């Protein structure tokens, strides 16, 4: 399948870059230690300078913050921590004036236990809202109804003394699951989307969208034979009755229909599933679902050239077969910073990969600076995933949520010097910050800006085809039917750690070279004699060597 689209025919969510903001951590404007909407508005010029297209906010709705906004108490209200509806309207207006789209995080699988709907539902068994949530009688022994597990540890059921039944929650107990089998719930969720689109919202990232449907018979889930003590308890069962049920697709199609009532809106679905299953969440032309089923596989794949190439080849082929649009992610609020995961030496190679692959990239705030995981002392841990599983290493999400590093001033310029931020600032903020990198032409920030500019200005990088190249010792680098005249990487070791691919559109060809290893790799590519170097991640790049950890972009003649 080839692409005959022109750049002007692409939707904004296809040609652009999505930038995720964790609002608590971006910029505090009122000196309470928590980021807010006015803080984001004050930084819109910076965001526009990055070359991104859309800003996506993690939840800003009214919430008791038991899971930092993913427990919604009012789907049509802004939490006072972040500001007001007027503040939000101002932000949208100012963002649009700068050509930036605005996306919200929509959390339809569960509400807060403080939402008026749940307060009514738990008031009595015959309350009209009772069936808006998922209730079950105790097991014959008085215990939980089944073996379903919470992502945050323990049972997914909590007993309600007042009504003598258990309610379902796959996260903290303050996040009761909404009953999507109830059409009133589905109508209310669709109306919520309409409310925000009427205020100018351009798109939504939909939280845990693959969990919406559950087994109506509430059957036990089979044990996972590969689970071992010390691993998250959630993994101890196979989630065949709580994840990826066929009825989920019907629910998503209803949400998509609400979006399609408005012009040029879009929906990204959070989905952790194998590639072929993941892509079914795009739907079909006659029954569309998510515009972008979030592809997290770049986060989950071992960081070496062979495995990354295999992933990209398989995903691109699957997307081509399905007729959907690809997307890529290297970091978010639930995953450790990619500069920490892949290492400082590989940071620019990873950034280059994300911004040159075919499809829509999503960038996490601060990753343009090379921000790394922050150190969180035990007495500052606030993430419920960590607090609920103290004996399971690595499940805490606080390290990747530390405040944005704006300057070398106290608290990195995130909040007033005399205020304690909600999470401690990462220790490297005096060197890794916007103010220092903005004026340094060789900084990670300006490398990021160069990449986004190259992507925007290149039809090959925006909408071109993708083809990986052979990089084995003595083997020609091939672009499919024709070789690049026999050039090769002269590898001295098996698995040299080089990943190379070509993006091509209507005669424009861009070659991307990524060295995943620390060793220099001699390079003999006759085509590079007539090619022009677009970018190197290191100073002094040449056409004869790909240095250790280096990324290069070439425009081929």
Protein backbone atom coordinates (compact mmCIF):
# COMPACT_ATOMS: atom_id res chain seq x y z
CA UNK A 1 0.00 0.00 0.00
CA UNK A 2 1.46 3.35 -1.01
CA UNK A 3 0.41 6.75 0.21
CA UNK A 4 -0.79 9.26 -2.37
CA UNK A 5 -1.81 11.83 0.23
CA UNK A 6 -0.39 15.31 0.14
CA UNK A 7 0.53 17.15 3.31
CA UNK A 8 -2.53 19.35 2.86
CA UNK A 9 -4.80 16.31 2.91
CA UNK A 10 -3.59 15.06 6.27
CA UNK A 11 -5.59 15.81 9.38
CA UNK A 12 -3.81 17.75 12.12
CA UNK A 13 -3.58 14.61 14.24
CA UNK A 14 -1.81 12.81 11.37
CA UNK A 15 0.73 15.44 10.35
CA UNK A 16 1.36 16.90 13.78
CA UNK A 17 2.95 16.11 17.13
CA UNK A 18 0.99 15.68 20.37
CA UNK A 19 2.58 17.06 23.56
CA UNK A 20 1.34 15.66 26.86
CA UNK A 21 1.17 18.01 29.84
CA UNK A 22 0.79 16.67 33.36
CA UNK A 23 -0.91 19.82 34.72
CA UNK A 24 0.12 19.38 38.37
CA UNK A 25 3.75 19.51 37.27
CA UNK A 26 3.96 22.01 34.42
CA UNK A 27 3.80 25.52 35.91
CA UNK A 28 2.39 26.86 39.17
CA UNK A 29 0.96 30.36 38.72
CA UNK A 30 -0.54 30.93 42.19
CA UNK A 31 2.26 29.59 44.41
CA UNK A 32 0.45 26.67 46.00
CA UNK A 33 3.01 24.12 44.81
CA UNK A 34 0.69 22.63 42.17
CA UNK A 35 0.66 23.44 38.47
CA UNK A 36 -2.47 24.99 37.00
CA UNK A 37 -4.17 26.20 33.83
CA UNK A 38 -2.97 29.78 34.07
CA UNK A 39 0.55 28.42 34.37
CA UNK A 40 0.11 26.60 31.07
CA UNK A 41 -1.35 29.70 29.44
CA UNK A 42 1.73 31.64 30.50
CA UNK A 43 3.92 29.06 28.77
CA UNK A 44 2.05 28.81 25.46
CA UNK A 45 4.71 30.70 23.55
CA UNK A 46 7.26 28.15 24.70
CA UNK A 47 4.98 25.31 23.61
CA UNK A 48 4.49 26.92 20.21
CA UNK A 49 8.27 27.22 19.85
CA UNK A 50 8.63 23.45 20.10
CA UNK A 51 6.90 22.81 16.80
CA UNK A 52 4.21 20.64 18.37
CA UNK A 53 0.63 20.67 17.10
CA UNK A 54 -1.54 19.76 20.06
CA UNK A 55 -1.32 19.90 23.84
CA UNK A 56 -2.99 17.10 25.78
CA UNK A 57 -3.82 17.64 29.43
CA UNK A 58 -3.93 14.83 31.94
CA UNK A 59 -7.20 15.16 33.91
CA UNK A 60 -8.18 18.63 35.12
CA UNK A 61 -11.76 17.78 36.15
CA UNK A 62 -13.17 18.20 39.67
CA UNK A 63 -11.67 15.43 41.78
CA UNK A 64 -10.72 14.48 45.36
CA UNK A 65 -7.36 13.50 43.80
CA UNK A 66 -7.15 9.99 45.21
CA UNK A 67 -5.56 9.10 41.87
CA UNK A 68 -4.61 12.65 40.90
CA UNK A 69 -7.58 13.44 38.71
CA UNK A 70 -8.31 10.01 37.32
CA UNK A 71 -11.07 9.85 39.94
CA UNK A 72 -13.58 12.33 38.52
CA UNK A 73 -16.24 13.90 40.73
CA UNK A 74 -17.64 16.23 38.03
CA UNK A 75 -17.00 15.55 34.36
CA UNK A 76 -18.06 19.07 33.37
CA UNK A 77 -16.15 21.03 35.99
CA UNK A 78 -12.54 22.18 36.45
CA UNK A 79 -10.96 21.33 39.78
CA UNK A 80 -10.20 24.51 41.77
CA UNK A 81 -6.57 23.34 42.08
CA UNK A 82 -6.23 24.01 38.36
CA UNK A 83 -8.49 27.03 37.99
CA UNK A 84 -11.95 27.72 36.61
CA UNK A 85 -13.93 27.15 33.46
CA UNK A 86 -13.14 30.74 32.52
CA UNK A 87 -9.43 29.98 32.91
CA UNK A 88 -9.88 26.97 30.68
CA UNK A 89 -11.75 28.97 28.04
CA UNK A 90 -8.95 31.54 28.06
CA UNK A 91 -6.34 28.81 27.64
CA UNK A 92 -8.21 27.28 24.68
CA UNK A 93 -8.61 30.68 23.02
CA UNK A 94 -4.94 31.57 23.49
CA UNK A 95 -3.76 28.13 22.35
CA UNK A 96 -5.86 28.32 19.20
CA UNK A 97 -4.49 31.80 18.51
CA UNK A 98 -1.03 30.21 18.38
CA UNK A 99 -2.15 27.36 16.13
CA UNK A 100 -2.17 24.81 18.96
CA UNK A 101 -4.93 22.23 19.31
CA UNK A 102 -6.22 21.30 22.79
CA UNK A 103 -6.90 17.74 23.97
CA UNK A 104 -8.37 16.55 27.25
CA UNK A 105 -7.97 13.30 29.16
CA UNK A 106 -11.39 11.63 29.34
CA UNK A 107 -11.93 9.01 32.07
CA UNK A 108 -15.14 7.09 31.26
CA UNK A 109 -14.39 3.70 32.84
CA UNK A 110 -14.79 4.87 36.42
CA UNK A 111 -15.72 7.94 38.42
CA UNK A 112 -14.81 9.12 41.90
CA UNK A 113 -16.69 7.67 44.84
CA UNK A 114 -17.48 11.31 45.62
CA UNK A 115 -19.27 11.83 42.31
CA UNK A 116 -22.97 12.63 42.95
CA UNK A 117 -23.89 9.64 40.81
CA UNK A 118 -22.10 7.23 43.12
CA UNK A 119 -23.30 9.00 46.26
CA UNK A 120 -26.84 8.35 45.01
CA UNK A 121 -26.04 4.82 43.87
CA UNK A 122 -24.76 3.71 47.27
CA UNK A 123 -27.65 5.34 49.16
CA UNK A 124 -29.90 2.29 48.62
CA UNK A 125 -30.21 -0.79 46.45
CA UNK A 126 -33.28 0.59 44.71
CA UNK A 127 -31.88 4.04 43.91
CA UNK A 128 -32.30 4.90 40.20
CA UNK A 129 -28.54 5.40 39.90
CA UNK A 130 -27.71 2.02 41.45
CA UNK A 131 -27.28 0.36 38.07
CA UNK A 132 -24.90 3.09 36.92
CA UNK A 133 -22.20 1.16 38.80
CA UNK A 134 -21.30 -2.51 39.20
CA UNK A 135 -22.54 -4.21 42.38
CA UNK A 136 -22.47 -7.84 43.50
CA UNK A 137 -23.56 -9.79 46.55
CA UNK A 138 -20.83 -11.34 48.71
CA UNK A 139 -19.65 -14.85 47.88
CA UNK A 140 -21.27 -17.66 49.88
CA UNK A 141 -18.46 -17.39 52.42
CA UNK A 142 -19.10 -13.66 52.77
CA UNK A 143 -15.98 -12.71 50.85
CA UNK A 144 -15.41 -10.92 47.58
CA UNK A 145 -17.63 -11.92 44.62
CA UNK A 146 -14.75 -13.21 42.47
CA UNK A 147 -10.99 -13.10 42.00
CA UNK A 148 -10.75 -9.93 39.91
CA UNK A 149 -7.71 -7.83 40.82
CA UNK A 150 -6.98 -4.13 41.09
CA UNK A 151 -4.14 -2.67 39.04
CA UNK A 152 -2.97 -1.09 42.29
CA UNK A 153 -2.88 -4.33 44.28
CA UNK A 154 -5.45 -6.42 46.12
CA UNK A 155 -9.02 -7.26 45.20
CA UNK A 156 -11.00 -5.18 42.71
CA UNK A 157 -13.96 -5.25 45.11
CA UNK A 158 -14.83 -3.11 48.14
CA UNK A 159 -17.67 -3.88 50.54
CA UNK A 160 -20.32 -1.23 51.13
CA UNK A 161 -21.67 -1.59 54.66
CA UNK A 162 -24.78 0.50 54.05
CA UNK A 163 -26.20 -1.70 51.28
CA UNK A 164 -24.47 -5.03 51.96
CA UNK A 165 -22.93 -5.42 48.52
CA UNK A 166 -19.51 -5.08 46.93
CA UNK A 167 -18.74 -2.55 44.21
CA UNK A 168 -16.14 -3.02 41.49
CA UNK A 169 -13.01 -0.87 41.07
CA UNK A 170 -9.99 -1.89 39.03
CA UNK A 171 -7.91 0.91 40.53
CA UNK A 172 -8.19 2.49 43.99
CA UNK A 173 -11.39 1.92 45.98
CA UNK A 174 -12.27 5.56 45.39
CA UNK A 175 -12.69 4.83 41.68
CA UNK A 176 -15.88 2.77 41.31
CA UNK A 177 -16.44 1.33 37.84
CA UNK A 178 -19.27 2.73 35.76
CA UNK A 179 -21.64 0.19 34.23
CA UNK A 180 -21.29 0.68 30.49
CA UNK A 181 -24.05 -1.87 29.86
CA UNK A 182 -26.44 0.83 31.09
CA UNK A 183 -27.47 3.07 28.16
CA UNK A 184 -27.98 6.03 30.48
CA UNK A 185 -24.29 5.89 31.39
CA UNK A 186 -23.29 5.79 27.74
CA UNK A 187 -25.51 8.76 26.89
CA UNK A 188 -24.04 10.77 29.76
CA UNK A 189 -20.50 10.00 28.62
CA UNK A 190 -21.26 11.06 25.04
CA UNK A 191 -22.86 14.26 26.33
CA UNK A 192 -19.69 14.97 28.31
CA UNK A 193 -17.66 14.88 25.10
CA UNK A 194 -20.14 17.23 23.45
CA UNK A 195 -19.89 19.66 26.38
CA UNK A 196 -16.13 20.02 25.98
CA UNK A 197 -16.16 20.12 22.19
CA UNK A 198 -18.64 22.97 22.37
CA UNK A 199 -15.98 24.79 24.43
CA UNK A 200 -13.45 24.31 21.67
CA UNK A 201 -11.72 21.08 22.67
CA UNK A 202 -10.17 19.44 19.61
CA UNK A 203 -9.65 15.91 20.85
CA UNK A 204 -9.55 13.43 23.71
CA UNK A 205 -7.21 10.83 25.07
CA UNK A 206 -9.54 8.18 26.53
CA UNK A 207 -8.29 6.47 29.67
CA UNK A 208 -8.19 2.62 29.81
CA UNK A 209 -10.61 2.40 26.91
CA UNK A 210 -10.04 -1.35 26.49
CA UNK A 211 -11.54 -2.01 29.94
CA UNK A 212 -15.04 -0.59 29.39
CA UNK A 213 -16.92 -3.89 29.01
CA UNK A 214 -16.89 -6.66 31.63
CA UNK A 215 -18.14 -10.20 31.74
CA UNK A 216 -21.87 -9.95 32.64
CA UNK A 217 -21.60 -13.23 34.58
CA UNK A 218 -18.66 -11.99 36.68
CA UNK A 219 -16.75 -15.25 36.27
CA UNK A 220 -13.39 -15.83 37.94
CA UNK A 221 -10.38 -15.12 35.75
CA UNK A 222 -7.92 -17.97 35.17
CA UNK A 223 -4.69 -18.00 37.08
CA UNK A 224 -1.56 -16.83 35.26
CA UNK A 225 0.90 -19.76 35.44
CA UNK A 226 3.84 -17.44 34.79
CA UNK A 227 3.14 -15.16 37.76
CA UNK A 228 5.60 -15.23 40.65
CA UNK A 229 5.49 -13.62 44.12
CA UNK A 230 7.05 -10.18 44.06
CA UNK A 231 5.41 -9.31 40.76
CA UNK A 232 2.32 -7.05 40.72
CA UNK A 233 -0.65 -8.99 42.06
CA UNK A 234 -2.74 -7.77 39.13
CA UNK A 235 -0.64 -10.03 36.90
CA UNK A 236 -1.56 -13.14 38.90
CA UNK A 237 -4.65 -13.72 36.75
CA UNK A 238 -5.35 -13.59 33.02
CA UNK A 239 -7.78 -10.77 32.36
CA UNK A 240 -10.13 -12.45 29.91
CA UNK A 241 -13.28 -11.18 31.66
CA UNK A 242 -12.25 -7.58 32.33
CA UNK A 243 -10.22 -6.54 29.28
CA UNK A 244 -10.72 -6.38 25.52
CA UNK A 245 -14.24 -7.83 25.50
CA UNK A 246 -16.03 -7.65 22.11
CA UNK A 247 -18.74 -5.35 23.44
CA UNK A 248 -16.11 -2.70 24.15
CA UNK A 249 -15.96 -1.93 20.43
CA UNK A 250 -19.67 -1.13 20.30
CA UNK A 251 -19.24 1.30 23.19
CA UNK A 252 -16.31 3.02 21.48
CA UNK A 253 -18.29 3.40 18.27
CA UNK A 254 -20.93 5.34 20.22
CA UNK A 255 -18.26 7.72 21.52
CA UNK A 256 -16.85 8.11 18.02
CA UNK A 257 -20.31 9.00 16.71
CA UNK A 258 -20.48 11.86 19.22
CA UNK A 259 -17.10 13.16 18.05
CA UNK A 260 -18.14 12.95 14.43
CA UNK A 261 -20.99 15.38 15.10
CA UNK A 262 -18.26 18.04 15.23
CA UNK A 263 -15.70 19.02 12.61
CA UNK A 264 -12.12 17.81 12.75
CA UNK A 265 -12.14 16.24 16.23
CA UNK A 266 -10.21 13.14 17.25
CA UNK A 267 -9.88 10.43 19.87
CA UNK A 268 -6.82 8.53 21.14
CA UNK A 269 -7.50 5.35 23.08
CA UNK A 270 -5.22 4.13 25.86
CA UNK A 271 -4.76 0.43 25.08
CA UNK A 272 -2.05 -2.00 26.21
CA UNK A 273 -2.56 -4.95 23.84
CA UNK A 274 -0.62 -6.87 21.15
CA UNK A 275 -0.34 -5.04 17.83
CA UNK A 276 -2.95 -6.93 15.81
CA UNK A 277 -5.49 -6.69 18.63
CA UNK A 278 -4.58 -3.06 19.29
CA UNK A 279 -5.33 -2.05 15.72
CA UNK A 280 -8.87 -3.44 15.86
CA UNK A 281 -9.61 -0.43 18.07
CA UNK A 282 -9.31 1.80 15.01
CA UNK A 283 -12.47 0.16 13.73
CA UNK A 284 -13.33 0.09 10.04
CA UNK A 285 -14.34 2.77 7.51
CA UNK A 286 -17.98 1.80 8.03
CA UNK A 287 -17.67 1.48 11.81
CA UNK A 288 -14.84 3.80 12.96
CA UNK A 289 -13.55 3.76 16.53
CA UNK A 290 -10.37 5.45 17.80
CA UNK A 291 -8.54 7.69 15.38
CA UNK A 292 -5.34 6.55 17.11
CA UNK A 293 -5.19 3.40 19.26
CA UNK A 294 -2.21 4.33 21.42
CA UNK A 295 0.85 2.30 20.45
CA UNK A 296 3.02 1.84 23.56
CA UNK A 297 5.22 -0.91 22.14
CA UNK A 298 8.24 1.34 21.74
CA UNK A 299 8.19 1.73 25.53
CA UNK A 300 7.81 -1.99 26.16
CA UNK A 301 10.38 -3.36 23.67
CA UNK A 302 14.02 -4.07 24.66
CA UNK A 303 16.23 -1.19 23.57
CA UNK A 304 18.42 -2.72 20.89
CA UNK A 305 18.46 -2.31 17.14
CA UNK A 306 17.24 -5.81 16.26
CA UNK A 307 14.21 -5.78 18.53
CA UNK A 308 13.26 -2.20 17.69
CA UNK A 309 13.55 -2.86 13.97
CA UNK A 310 11.42 -6.00 14.27
CA UNK A 311 8.78 -4.05 16.17
CA UNK A 312 8.68 -1.17 13.70
CA UNK A 313 8.55 -3.51 10.70
CA UNK A 314 5.70 -5.53 12.19
CA UNK A 315 3.71 -2.53 13.34
CA UNK A 316 4.08 -0.61 10.08
CA UNK A 317 3.03 -3.66 8.09
CA UNK A 318 0.03 -4.24 10.36
CA UNK A 319 -1.06 -0.61 10.12
CA UNK A 320 -0.74 -0.74 6.34
CA UNK A 321 -2.90 -3.88 6.19
CA UNK A 322 -5.54 -2.33 8.42
CA UNK A 323 -5.61 1.01 6.61
CA UNK A 324 -5.29 2.87 9.93
CA UNK A 325 -2.80 5.58 10.87
CA UNK A 326 0.33 4.77 12.93
CA UNK A 327 1.42 6.47 16.14
CA UNK A 328 4.37 6.18 18.52
CA UNK A 329 5.09 6.97 22.17
CA UNK A 330 8.33 6.87 24.17
CA UNK A 331 7.12 8.21 27.51
CA UNK A 332 4.10 9.28 29.52
CA UNK A 333 2.85 9.82 33.06
CA UNK A 334 2.71 6.06 33.74
CA UNK A 335 6.15 5.09 32.44
CA UNK A 336 9.63 6.00 33.60
CA UNK A 337 11.33 8.77 31.61
CA UNK A 338 12.86 7.44 28.43
CA UNK A 339 16.15 9.27 29.07
CA UNK A 340 16.36 7.15 32.24
CA UNK A 341 15.26 3.92 30.55
CA UNK A 342 17.58 4.02 27.53
CA UNK A 343 20.42 5.93 29.18
CA UNK A 344 21.86 9.38 28.65
CA UNK A 345 24.06 8.23 25.76
CA UNK A 346 21.10 6.92 23.78
CA UNK A 347 18.77 9.82 24.52
CA UNK A 348 19.16 11.65 21.19
CA UNK A 349 19.00 8.46 19.15
CA UNK A 350 15.70 7.64 20.87
CA UNK A 351 14.37 11.15 20.32
CA UNK A 352 15.35 10.94 16.65
CA UNK A 353 13.60 7.60 16.26
CA UNK A 354 10.37 8.90 17.77
CA UNK A 355 10.23 11.96 15.54
CA UNK A 356 11.19 10.28 12.25
CA UNK A 357 9.05 7.13 12.27
CA UNK A 358 5.93 7.06 10.13
CA UNK A 359 2.89 8.27 12.02
CA UNK A 360 1.96 10.58 14.86
CA UNK A 361 4.41 10.96 17.76
CA UNK A 362 3.30 11.83 21.28
CA UNK A 363 5.87 13.64 23.42
CA UNK A 364 5.79 13.84 27.23
CA UNK A 365 6.52 17.21 28.83
CA UNK A 366 10.19 17.72 29.62
CA UNK A 367 11.38 14.95 27.33
CA UNK A 368 12.46 17.68 24.91
CA UNK A 369 15.02 18.67 27.58
CA UNK A 370 16.16 15.15 28.40
CA UNK A 371 14.48 15.20 31.80
CA UNK A 372 15.14 12.04 33.80
CA UNK A 373 13.30 10.30 36.61
CA UNK A 374 13.44 12.27 39.83
CA UNK A 375 14.38 10.79 43.18
CA UNK A 376 11.38 10.57 45.50
CA UNK A 377 12.18 10.12 49.21
CA UNK A 378 9.96 7.63 51.00
CA UNK A 379 8.15 10.37 52.89
CA UNK A 380 7.29 12.19 49.64
CA UNK A 381 5.75 9.24 47.77
CA UNK A 382 2.15 10.03 46.83
CA UNK A 383 1.32 7.69 43.92
CA UNK A 384 -1.39 5.19 44.94
CA UNK A 385 0.17 2.53 42.72
CA UNK A 386 3.31 2.68 44.86
CA UNK A 387 1.57 3.16 48.21
CA UNK A 388 -0.68 0.17 47.57
CA UNK A 389 2.18 -2.15 46.56
CA UNK A 390 5.14 -1.20 48.78
CA UNK A 391 6.87 -4.55 48.25
CA UNK A 392 6.76 -4.43 44.43
CA UNK A 393 9.72 -2.50 42.99
CA UNK A 394 9.33 -0.10 40.09
CA UNK A 395 5.56 0.37 40.12
CA UNK A 396 5.65 3.94 41.46
CA UNK A 397 4.90 6.67 38.93
CA UNK A 398 6.05 9.71 40.92
CA UNK A 399 9.59 9.74 39.42
CA UNK A 400 8.30 10.60 35.93
CA UNK A 401 5.85 13.22 37.22
CA UNK A 402 8.29 15.63 38.84
CA UNK A 403 7.95 19.37 38.07
CA UNK A 404 8.96 20.84 34.73
CA UNK A 405 12.47 22.26 34.84
CA UNK A 406 12.24 25.85 33.63
CA UNK A 407 15.38 27.40 35.12
CA UNK A 408 18.17 27.02 37.66
CA UNK A 409 16.16 29.04 40.18
CA UNK A 410 14.82 27.31 43.31
CA UNK A 411 12.32 24.56 42.45
CA UNK A 412 13.43 24.96 38.82
CA UNK A 413 11.17 27.97 38.36
CA UNK A 414 8.11 25.76 38.69
CA UNK A 415 6.81 27.48 41.82
CA UNK A 416 7.82 30.13 44.33
CA UNK A 417 11.07 29.56 46.19
CA UNK A 418 9.25 29.54 49.55
CA UNK A 419 6.67 26.92 48.50
CA UNK A 420 7.20 23.17 48.57
CA UNK A 421 6.15 21.68 45.24
CA UNK A 422 3.80 18.71 45.34
CA UNK A 423 6.70 16.48 44.22
CA UNK A 424 10.40 17.28 44.61
CA UNK A 425 12.18 18.66 41.56
CA UNK A 426 14.72 16.32 39.94
CA UNK A 427 18.23 16.95 41.23
CA UNK A 428 19.73 17.81 37.82
CA UNK A 429 17.50 20.86 37.28
CA UNK A 430 20.33 23.37 37.60
CA UNK A 431 21.84 22.04 34.36
CA UNK A 432 18.81 20.53 32.62
CA UNK A 433 16.33 23.36 32.23
CA UNK A 434 14.65 25.48 29.58
CA UNK A 435 16.49 28.72 30.33
CA UNK A 436 19.93 27.14 29.96
CA UNK A 437 19.08 25.06 26.90
CA UNK A 438 17.14 27.76 25.07
CA UNK A 439 20.30 29.85 24.52
CA UNK A 440 22.58 26.90 23.73
CA UNK A 441 22.40 25.99 20.02
CA UNK A 442 23.80 22.52 20.80
CA UNK A 443 21.28 21.72 23.57
CA UNK A 444 18.80 18.86 23.66
CA UNK A 445 15.96 21.39 23.49
CA UNK A 446 17.26 22.91 20.27
CA UNK A 447 18.00 19.47 18.87
CA UNK A 448 14.33 18.66 19.48
CA UNK A 449 13.26 21.87 17.74
CA UNK A 450 15.47 21.04 14.78
CA UNK A 451 13.90 17.60 14.52
CA UNK A 452 10.35 18.96 14.62
CA UNK A 453 11.22 21.56 11.98
CA UNK A 454 12.75 18.94 9.70
CA UNK A 455 9.70 16.75 10.18
CA UNK A 456 7.32 19.59 9.38
CA UNK A 457 9.24 20.69 6.28
CA UNK A 458 9.77 17.22 4.83
CA UNK A 459 6.95 15.45 3.00
CA UNK A 460 8.95 12.23 3.33
CA UNK A 461 9.04 12.50 7.12
CA UNK A 462 5.46 13.72 7.42
CA UNK A 463 3.64 11.25 5.20
CA UNK A 464 6.20 9.14 3.40
CA UNK A 465 6.43 5.38 3.33
CA UNK A 466 8.72 3.48 5.69
CA UNK A 467 11.18 0.74 4.79
CA UNK A 468 13.89 -0.64 7.03
CA UNK A 469 17.32 -1.45 5.67
CA UNK A 470 19.58 -4.46 6.11
CA UNK A 471 22.60 -3.62 8.24
CA UNK A 472 24.31 -6.99 8.55
CA UNK A 473 28.07 -7.27 8.04
CA UNK A 474 28.92 -7.15 4.36
CA UNK A 475 25.28 -7.06 3.32
CA UNK A 476 23.89 -4.38 1.01
CA UNK A 477 21.60 -1.82 2.53
CA UNK A 478 18.41 -2.40 0.62
CA UNK A 479 15.23 -0.40 0.18
CA UNK A 480 13.17 -3.28 -1.13
CA UNK A 481 13.45 -4.15 -4.82
CA UNK A 482 16.54 -2.01 -5.40
CA UNK A 483 19.73 -1.78 -3.41
CA UNK A 484 21.45 1.47 -2.57
CA UNK A 485 24.18 0.37 -5.03
CA UNK A 486 25.77 -2.11 -2.70
CA UNK A 487 26.80 0.13 0.19
CA UNK A 488 27.13 -1.57 3.53
CA UNK A 489 27.85 -1.14 7.19
CA UNK A 490 31.13 -2.95 7.85
CA UNK A 491 30.16 -4.46 11.18
CA UNK A 492 32.84 -6.09 13.27
CA UNK A 493 30.35 -7.73 15.63
CA UNK A 494 27.14 -9.61 15.13
CA UNK A 495 24.24 -7.39 16.09
CA UNK A 496 26.07 -4.12 15.65
CA UNK A 497 23.21 -2.15 17.06
CA UNK A 498 22.49 -0.17 13.88
CA UNK A 499 18.91 0.49 12.79
CA UNK A 500 18.46 2.21 9.44
CA UNK A 501 15.36 3.08 7.49
CA UNK A 502 14.20 5.23 4.59
CA UNK A 503 11.19 7.50 4.52
CA UNK A 504 10.09 8.31 0.95
CA UNK A 505 7.42 10.41 -0.72
CA UNK A 506 7.20 11.37 -4.39
CA UNK A 507 10.92 11.21 -4.98
CA UNK A 508 12.06 12.71 -1.69
CA UNK A 509 14.04 10.17 0.30
CA UNK A 510 15.33 10.63 3.85
CA UNK A 511 17.70 8.06 5.32
CA UNK A 512 17.68 7.66 9.11
CA UNK A 513 20.70 6.00 10.74
CA UNK A 514 20.63 5.09 14.43
CA UNK A 515 23.54 3.51 16.26
CA UNK A 516 22.23 1.69 19.32
CA UNK A 517 25.76 0.73 20.32
CA UNK A 518 28.70 2.59 21.81
CA UNK A 519 31.15 1.54 19.08
CA UNK A 520 31.79 3.51 15.90
CA UNK A 521 30.59 1.72 12.77
CA UNK A 522 32.49 2.24 9.48
CA UNK A 523 30.04 3.14 6.75
CA UNK A 524 30.43 2.75 3.00
CA UNK A 525 27.44 4.20 1.24
CA UNK A 526 28.16 5.52 -2.26
CA UNK A 527 24.82 7.34 -2.23
CA UNK A 528 26.03 9.55 0.58
CA UNK A 529 28.55 11.18 -1.79
CA UNK A 530 25.65 12.95 -3.47
CA UNK A 531 23.47 13.14 -0.39
CA UNK A 532 23.16 16.01 2.01
CA UNK A 533 23.41 15.67 5.76
CA UNK A 534 20.27 17.05 7.36
CA UNK A 535 21.16 16.44 11.00
CA UNK A 536 23.52 14.60 13.30
CA UNK A 537 23.10 14.12 17.01
CA UNK A 538 26.85 14.76 17.41
CA UNK A 539 29.24 17.38 16.11
CA UNK A 540 31.41 16.70 13.08
CA UNK A 541 29.38 13.98 11.36
CA UNK A 542 30.74 12.49 8.15
CA UNK A 543 29.71 10.07 5.44
CA UNK A 544 32.25 7.40 6.39
CA UNK A 545 31.43 6.60 10.01
CA UNK A 546 28.38 6.30 12.22
CA UNK A 547 29.78 7.00 15.64
CA UNK A 548 28.75 5.32 18.84
CA UNK A 549 25.25 6.33 19.96
CA UNK A 550 24.93 8.66 16.96
CA UNK A 551 21.80 9.45 14.96
CA UNK A 552 22.08 10.83 11.42
CA UNK A 553 19.51 12.05 8.91
CA UNK A 554 20.46 12.29 5.23
CA UNK A 555 18.53 13.53 2.23
CA UNK A 556 19.37 11.09 -0.55
CA UNK A 557 19.97 12.31 -4.08
